[in-house]
Amino acid sequence: MKRRTTPTMQVRFNLVKNDDISTIEFLFRQERSEDSEPYLLKTYPTDVTYDAARDRYLIPWTEEETAKFLEDHEFYMDTRITLEGNNAVPETNIVKLVMNGTLFEEDDE
């Protein structure tokens, strides 16, 4: 992903079907630690849409959201899925991502 752009991140789960899902929290943290504060939280179905034709969740990012993460550094996405009619939270992997730098400079404040 590139800082100061407006990408749409695509996520697919292998073992969970969308029909079984009530909500999903996509948590983005700079550090791979459960104790670190999330820099960004996106939720399905509020912020995130589902593309049934491609079986993908589409997570939109704003320019400001991409700028929250350190450039040319790793950051992490963790997910918490809540199933319909069930309190069980399926296990998902923590995904390592990289926020690439940009040639554009930040605005002076």
N, C-alpha and C. Protein backbone atom coordinates (compact mmCIF):
# COMPACT_ATOMS: atom_id res chain seq x y z
N MET A 1 0.84 -1.16 0.00
CA MET A 1 0.00 0.00 0.00
C MET A 1 0.90 1.24 0.00
N LYS A 2 0.44 2.31 -0.58
CA LYS A 2 1.23 3.53 -0.68
C LYS A 2 0.59 4.65 0.13
N ARG A 3 1.43 5.34 0.92
CA ARG A 3 0.95 6.46 1.73
C ARG A 3 0.35 7.56 0.86
N ARG A 4 -0.60 8.26 1.45
CA ARG A 4 -1.24 9.44 0.85
C ARG A 4 -1.94 9.12 -0.49
N THR A 5 -2.49 7.89 -0.56
CA THR A 5 -3.32 7.50 -1.69
C THR A 5 -4.67 7.04 -1.14
N THR A 6 -5.57 6.64 -2.01
CA THR A 6 -6.90 6.17 -1.58
C THR A 6 -7.15 4.76 -2.11
N PRO A 7 -6.39 3.79 -1.62
CA PRO A 7 -6.53 2.42 -2.12
C PRO A 7 -7.76 1.72 -1.55
N THR A 8 -8.13 0.64 -2.19
CA THR A 8 -9.13 -0.28 -1.66
C THR A 8 -8.45 -1.62 -1.47
N MET A 9 -8.39 -2.04 -0.24
CA MET A 9 -7.74 -3.31 0.10
C MET A 9 -8.77 -4.42 -0.06
N GLN A 10 -8.37 -5.54 -0.64
CA GLN A 10 -9.26 -6.69 -0.85
C GLN A 10 -8.83 -7.83 0.05
N VAL A 11 -9.81 -8.42 0.77
CA VAL A 11 -9.53 -9.51 1.70
C VAL A 11 -10.50 -10.64 1.43
N ARG A 12 -9.97 -11.87 1.45
CA ARG A 12 -10.81 -13.05 1.27
C ARG A 12 -10.48 -14.04 2.38
N PHE A 13 -11.52 -14.66 2.94
CA PHE A 13 -11.34 -15.69 3.97
C PHE A 13 -11.59 -17.05 3.34
N ASN A 14 -10.75 -18.01 3.64
CA ASN A 14 -10.85 -19.33 3.03
C ASN A 14 -11.89 -20.24 3.68
N LEU A 15 -12.05 -20.13 4.99
CA LEU A 15 -12.88 -21.13 5.68
C LEU A 15 -14.19 -20.59 6.23
N VAL A 16 -14.50 -19.33 5.98
CA VAL A 16 -15.73 -18.73 6.49
C VAL A 16 -16.53 -18.17 5.32
N LYS A 17 -17.83 -18.48 5.29
CA LYS A 17 -18.69 -17.98 4.21
C LYS A 17 -19.38 -16.70 4.65
N ASN A 18 -19.56 -15.77 3.73
CA ASN A 18 -20.17 -14.49 4.05
C ASN A 18 -21.57 -14.64 4.64
N ASP A 19 -22.33 -15.64 4.18
CA ASP A 19 -23.69 -15.85 4.70
C ASP A 19 -23.69 -16.16 6.19
N ASP A 20 -22.58 -16.66 6.72
CA ASP A 20 -22.48 -17.02 8.13
C ASP A 20 -21.99 -15.88 9.01
N ILE A 21 -21.60 -14.76 8.40
CA ILE A 21 -20.95 -13.67 9.13
C ILE A 21 -21.95 -12.59 9.53
N SER A 22 -21.86 -12.18 10.78
CA SER A 22 -22.65 -11.06 11.28
C SER A 22 -21.84 -9.76 11.15
N THR A 23 -20.64 -9.74 11.72
CA THR A 23 -19.76 -8.57 11.64
C THR A 23 -18.30 -9.02 11.53
N ILE A 24 -17.49 -8.12 11.01
CA ILE A 24 -16.03 -8.32 10.99
C ILE A 24 -15.38 -7.01 11.40
N GLU A 25 -14.44 -7.08 12.31
CA GLU A 25 -13.60 -5.94 12.65
C GLU A 25 -12.24 -6.16 12.01
N PHE A 26 -11.80 -5.20 11.21
CA PHE A 26 -10.46 -5.21 10.63
C PHE A 26 -9.65 -4.18 11.41
N LEU A 27 -8.70 -4.66 12.20
CA LEU A 27 -7.88 -3.78 13.04
C LEU A 27 -6.49 -3.66 12.43
N PHE A 28 -6.03 -2.44 12.28
CA PHE A 28 -4.71 -2.17 11.72
C PHE A 28 -3.84 -1.54 12.79
N ARG A 29 -2.69 -2.15 13.06
CA ARG A 29 -1.78 -1.68 14.10
C ARG A 29 -0.38 -1.51 13.51
N GLN A 30 0.35 -0.56 14.04
CA GLN A 30 1.73 -0.37 13.60
C GLN A 30 2.62 -1.49 14.12
N GLU A 31 2.33 -1.98 15.32
CA GLU A 31 3.14 -3.04 15.94
C GLU A 31 2.35 -4.34 16.01
N ARG A 32 3.06 -5.45 15.99
CA ARG A 32 2.40 -6.77 16.09
C ARG A 32 2.28 -7.15 17.56
N SER A 33 1.39 -6.43 18.23
CA SER A 33 1.16 -6.67 19.64
C SER A 33 -0.30 -6.42 19.94
N GLU A 34 -0.91 -7.33 20.65
CA GLU A 34 -2.31 -7.17 21.03
C GLU A 34 -2.49 -5.95 21.93
N ASP A 35 -1.44 -5.57 22.64
CA ASP A 35 -1.52 -4.43 23.56
C ASP A 35 -1.38 -3.08 22.87
N SER A 36 -0.91 -3.07 21.62
CA SER A 36 -0.75 -1.78 20.92
C SER A 36 -2.10 -1.27 20.45
N GLU A 37 -2.25 0.03 20.51
CA GLU A 37 -3.51 0.66 20.09
C GLU A 37 -3.69 0.51 18.57
N PRO A 38 -4.90 0.16 18.15
CA PRO A 38 -5.15 0.14 16.70
C PRO A 38 -5.08 1.56 16.14
N TYR A 39 -4.39 1.73 15.02
CA TYR A 39 -4.35 3.02 14.33
C TYR A 39 -5.61 3.22 13.51
N LEU A 40 -6.23 2.11 13.13
CA LEU A 40 -7.39 2.18 12.27
C LEU A 40 -8.27 0.97 12.51
N LEU A 41 -9.58 1.19 12.54
CA LEU A 41 -10.56 0.11 12.66
C LEU A 41 -11.60 0.30 11.56
N LYS A 42 -11.79 -0.73 10.78
CA LYS A 42 -12.82 -0.74 9.74
C LYS A 42 -13.73 -1.93 10.05
N THR A 43 -15.05 -1.74 9.88
CA THR A 43 -15.98 -2.81 10.21
C THR A 43 -16.87 -3.16 9.02
N TYR A 44 -17.21 -4.44 8.96
CA TYR A 44 -18.18 -4.92 7.99
C TYR A 44 -19.45 -5.21 8.77
N PRO A 45 -20.59 -4.74 8.36
CA PRO A 45 -20.93 -4.15 7.08
C PRO A 45 -20.95 -2.62 7.06
N THR A 46 -20.46 -1.96 8.08
CA THR A 46 -20.53 -0.50 8.15
C THR A 46 -19.59 0.20 7.17
N ASP A 47 -18.28 -0.05 7.31
CA ASP A 47 -17.25 0.63 6.49
C ASP A 47 -16.79 -0.21 5.30
N VAL A 48 -16.98 -1.49 5.40
CA VAL A 48 -16.44 -2.46 4.44
C VAL A 48 -17.60 -3.08 3.68
N THR A 49 -17.42 -3.27 2.38
CA THR A 49 -18.46 -3.91 1.57
C THR A 49 -17.99 -5.31 1.16
N TYR A 50 -18.93 -6.10 0.69
CA TYR A 50 -18.63 -7.45 0.24
C TYR A 50 -18.95 -7.57 -1.24
N ASP A 51 -17.99 -8.02 -2.02
CA ASP A 51 -18.15 -8.27 -3.45
C ASP A 51 -18.43 -9.77 -3.61
N ALA A 52 -19.70 -10.13 -3.74
CA ALA A 52 -20.09 -11.54 -3.82
C ALA A 52 -19.55 -12.22 -5.07
N ALA A 53 -19.47 -11.50 -6.16
CA ALA A 53 -19.00 -12.08 -7.42
C ALA A 53 -17.55 -12.55 -7.30
N ARG A 54 -16.75 -11.84 -6.53
CA ARG A 54 -15.33 -12.18 -6.39
C ARG A 54 -14.99 -12.74 -5.01
N ASP A 55 -16.01 -12.87 -4.13
CA ASP A 55 -15.82 -13.37 -2.77
C ASP A 55 -14.71 -12.60 -2.06
N ARG A 56 -14.85 -11.27 -2.05
CA ARG A 56 -13.85 -10.40 -1.45
C ARG A 56 -14.52 -9.32 -0.61
N TYR A 57 -13.87 -8.97 0.50
CA TYR A 57 -14.27 -7.81 1.30
C TYR A 57 -13.43 -6.64 0.81
N LEU A 58 -14.08 -5.51 0.59
CA LEU A 58 -13.41 -4.33 0.04
C LEU A 58 -13.30 -3.28 1.14
N ILE A 59 -12.06 -2.97 1.50
CA ILE A 59 -11.79 -2.03 2.59
C ILE A 59 -11.23 -0.74 2.00
N PRO A 60 -12.03 0.32 1.98
CA PRO A 60 -11.56 1.59 1.43
C PRO A 60 -10.69 2.33 2.45
N TRP A 61 -9.66 2.98 1.95
CA TRP A 61 -8.77 3.80 2.78
C TRP A 61 -8.80 5.23 2.27
N THR A 62 -8.72 6.17 3.20
CA THR A 62 -8.60 7.57 2.80
C THR A 62 -7.13 7.95 2.79
N GLU A 63 -6.85 9.07 2.19
CA GLU A 63 -5.48 9.59 2.16
C GLU A 63 -4.94 9.79 3.58
N GLU A 64 -5.78 10.30 4.46
CA GLU A 64 -5.38 10.55 5.84
C GLU A 64 -5.12 9.25 6.59
N GLU A 65 -5.90 8.21 6.30
CA GLU A 65 -5.71 6.94 6.98
C GLU A 65 -4.39 6.28 6.59
N THR A 66 -4.02 6.35 5.33
CA THR A 66 -2.74 5.76 4.92
C THR A 66 -1.57 6.51 5.53
N ALA A 67 -1.75 7.81 5.79
CA ALA A 67 -0.66 8.62 6.37
C ALA A 67 -0.45 8.35 7.85
N LYS A 68 -1.34 7.62 8.50
CA LYS A 68 -1.18 7.31 9.93
C LYS A 68 -0.03 6.33 10.17
N PHE A 69 0.31 5.55 9.16
CA PHE A 69 1.32 4.50 9.33
C PHE A 69 2.68 4.96 8.84
N LEU A 70 3.73 4.51 9.50
CA LEU A 70 5.09 4.89 9.13
C LEU A 70 5.42 4.40 7.73
N GLU A 71 6.04 5.27 6.96
CA GLU A 71 6.37 4.88 5.59
C GLU A 71 7.54 3.90 5.59
N ASP A 72 7.49 3.00 4.63
CA ASP A 72 8.51 1.96 4.44
C ASP A 72 8.70 1.09 5.69
N HIS A 73 7.62 0.90 6.44
CA HIS A 73 7.63 0.04 7.62
C HIS A 73 6.48 -0.96 7.53
N GLU A 74 6.68 -2.05 8.23
CA GLU A 74 5.63 -3.06 8.33
C GLU A 74 4.54 -2.56 9.27
N PHE A 75 3.31 -2.99 9.00
CA PHE A 75 2.21 -2.83 9.94
C PHE A 75 1.35 -4.07 9.81
N TYR A 76 0.33 -4.20 10.66
CA TYR A 76 -0.36 -5.48 10.77
C TYR A 76 -1.87 -5.33 10.74
N MET A 77 -2.52 -6.30 10.11
CA MET A 77 -3.98 -6.37 10.10
C MET A 77 -4.40 -7.61 10.86
N ASP A 78 -5.28 -7.41 11.83
CA ASP A 78 -5.89 -8.52 12.55
C ASP A 78 -7.39 -8.43 12.31
N THR A 79 -8.08 -9.55 12.31
CA THR A 79 -9.52 -9.55 12.09
C THR A 79 -10.22 -10.28 13.22
N ARG A 80 -11.42 -9.78 13.52
CA ARG A 80 -12.30 -10.44 14.49
C ARG A 80 -13.65 -10.62 13.81
N ILE A 81 -13.98 -11.87 13.57
CA ILE A 81 -15.22 -12.21 12.88
C ILE A 81 -16.24 -12.69 13.91
N THR A 82 -17.45 -12.16 13.81
CA THR A 82 -18.56 -12.65 14.63
C THR A 82 -19.55 -13.34 13.71
N LEU A 83 -19.87 -14.59 14.03
CA LEU A 83 -20.78 -15.37 13.20
C LEU A 83 -22.23 -15.12 13.60
N GLU A 84 -23.15 -15.27 12.64
CA GLU A 84 -24.59 -15.11 12.90
C GLU A 84 -25.04 -16.10 13.96
N GLY A 85 -25.79 -15.62 14.95
CA GLY A 85 -26.38 -16.48 15.97
C GLY A 85 -25.39 -17.25 16.80
N ASN A 86 -24.16 -16.75 16.90
CA ASN A 86 -23.11 -17.50 17.56
C ASN A 86 -22.11 -16.51 18.15
N ASN A 87 -21.63 -16.79 19.33
CA ASN A 87 -20.63 -15.92 19.94
C ASN A 87 -19.21 -16.36 19.62
N ALA A 88 -19.07 -17.47 18.89
CA ALA A 88 -17.74 -17.96 18.55
C ALA A 88 -17.04 -17.00 17.60
N VAL A 89 -15.75 -16.81 17.82
CA VAL A 89 -14.92 -15.97 16.96
C VAL A 89 -13.92 -16.89 16.27
N PRO A 90 -14.07 -17.11 14.95
CA PRO A 90 -13.13 -18.00 14.26
C PRO A 90 -11.70 -17.46 14.29
N GLU A 91 -10.75 -18.36 14.31
CA GLU A 91 -9.34 -17.97 14.30
C GLU A 91 -8.96 -17.48 12.90
N THR A 92 -8.24 -16.37 12.85
CA THR A 92 -7.71 -15.84 11.59
C THR A 92 -6.25 -15.48 11.80
N ASN A 93 -5.51 -15.40 10.72
CA ASN A 93 -4.10 -15.04 10.79
C ASN A 93 -3.93 -13.54 10.91
N ILE A 94 -2.85 -13.13 11.55
CA ILE A 94 -2.44 -11.73 11.54
C ILE A 94 -1.63 -11.55 10.26
N VAL A 95 -1.97 -10.51 9.49
CA VAL A 95 -1.34 -10.30 8.20
C VAL A 95 -0.34 -9.14 8.28
N LYS A 96 0.88 -9.40 7.82
CA LYS A 96 1.90 -8.36 7.79
C LYS A 96 1.81 -7.61 6.47
N LEU A 97 1.77 -6.28 6.55
CA LEU A 97 1.68 -5.42 5.38
C LEU A 97 2.82 -4.41 5.42
N VAL A 98 3.02 -3.69 4.34
CA VAL A 98 4.04 -2.63 4.29
C VAL A 98 3.39 -1.37 3.74
N MET A 99 3.65 -0.24 4.42
CA MET A 99 3.17 1.04 3.93
C MET A 99 4.33 1.69 3.19
N ASN A 100 4.22 1.74 1.88
CA ASN A 100 5.27 2.33 1.06
C ASN A 100 5.23 3.85 1.13
N GLY A 101 6.41 4.44 1.01
CA GLY A 101 6.51 5.90 1.03
C GLY A 101 5.96 6.51 -0.24
N THR A 102 5.83 7.80 -0.22
CA THR A 102 5.34 8.54 -1.37
C THR A 102 6.32 9.66 -1.70
N LEU A 103 6.26 10.16 -2.89
CA LEU A 103 7.11 11.28 -3.28
C LEU A 103 6.51 12.62 -2.87
N PHE A 104 5.23 12.58 -2.45
CA PHE A 104 4.57 13.82 -2.04
C PHE A 104 4.92 14.15 -0.61
N GLU A 105 5.14 15.41 -0.33
CA GLU A 105 5.45 15.84 1.02
C GLU A 105 4.18 16.16 1.76
N GLU A 106 4.25 16.01 3.11
CA GLU A 106 3.10 16.36 3.93
C GLU A 106 2.91 17.86 3.94
N ASP A 107 1.66 18.29 4.06
CA ASP A 107 1.37 19.71 4.15
C ASP A 107 1.92 20.26 5.47
N ASP A 108 2.46 21.45 5.45
CA ASP A 108 2.90 22.10 6.69
C ASP A 108 1.69 22.53 7.48
N GLU A 109 1.76 22.30 8.79
CA GLU A 109 0.62 22.70 9.62
C GLU A 109 0.93 23.97 10.35
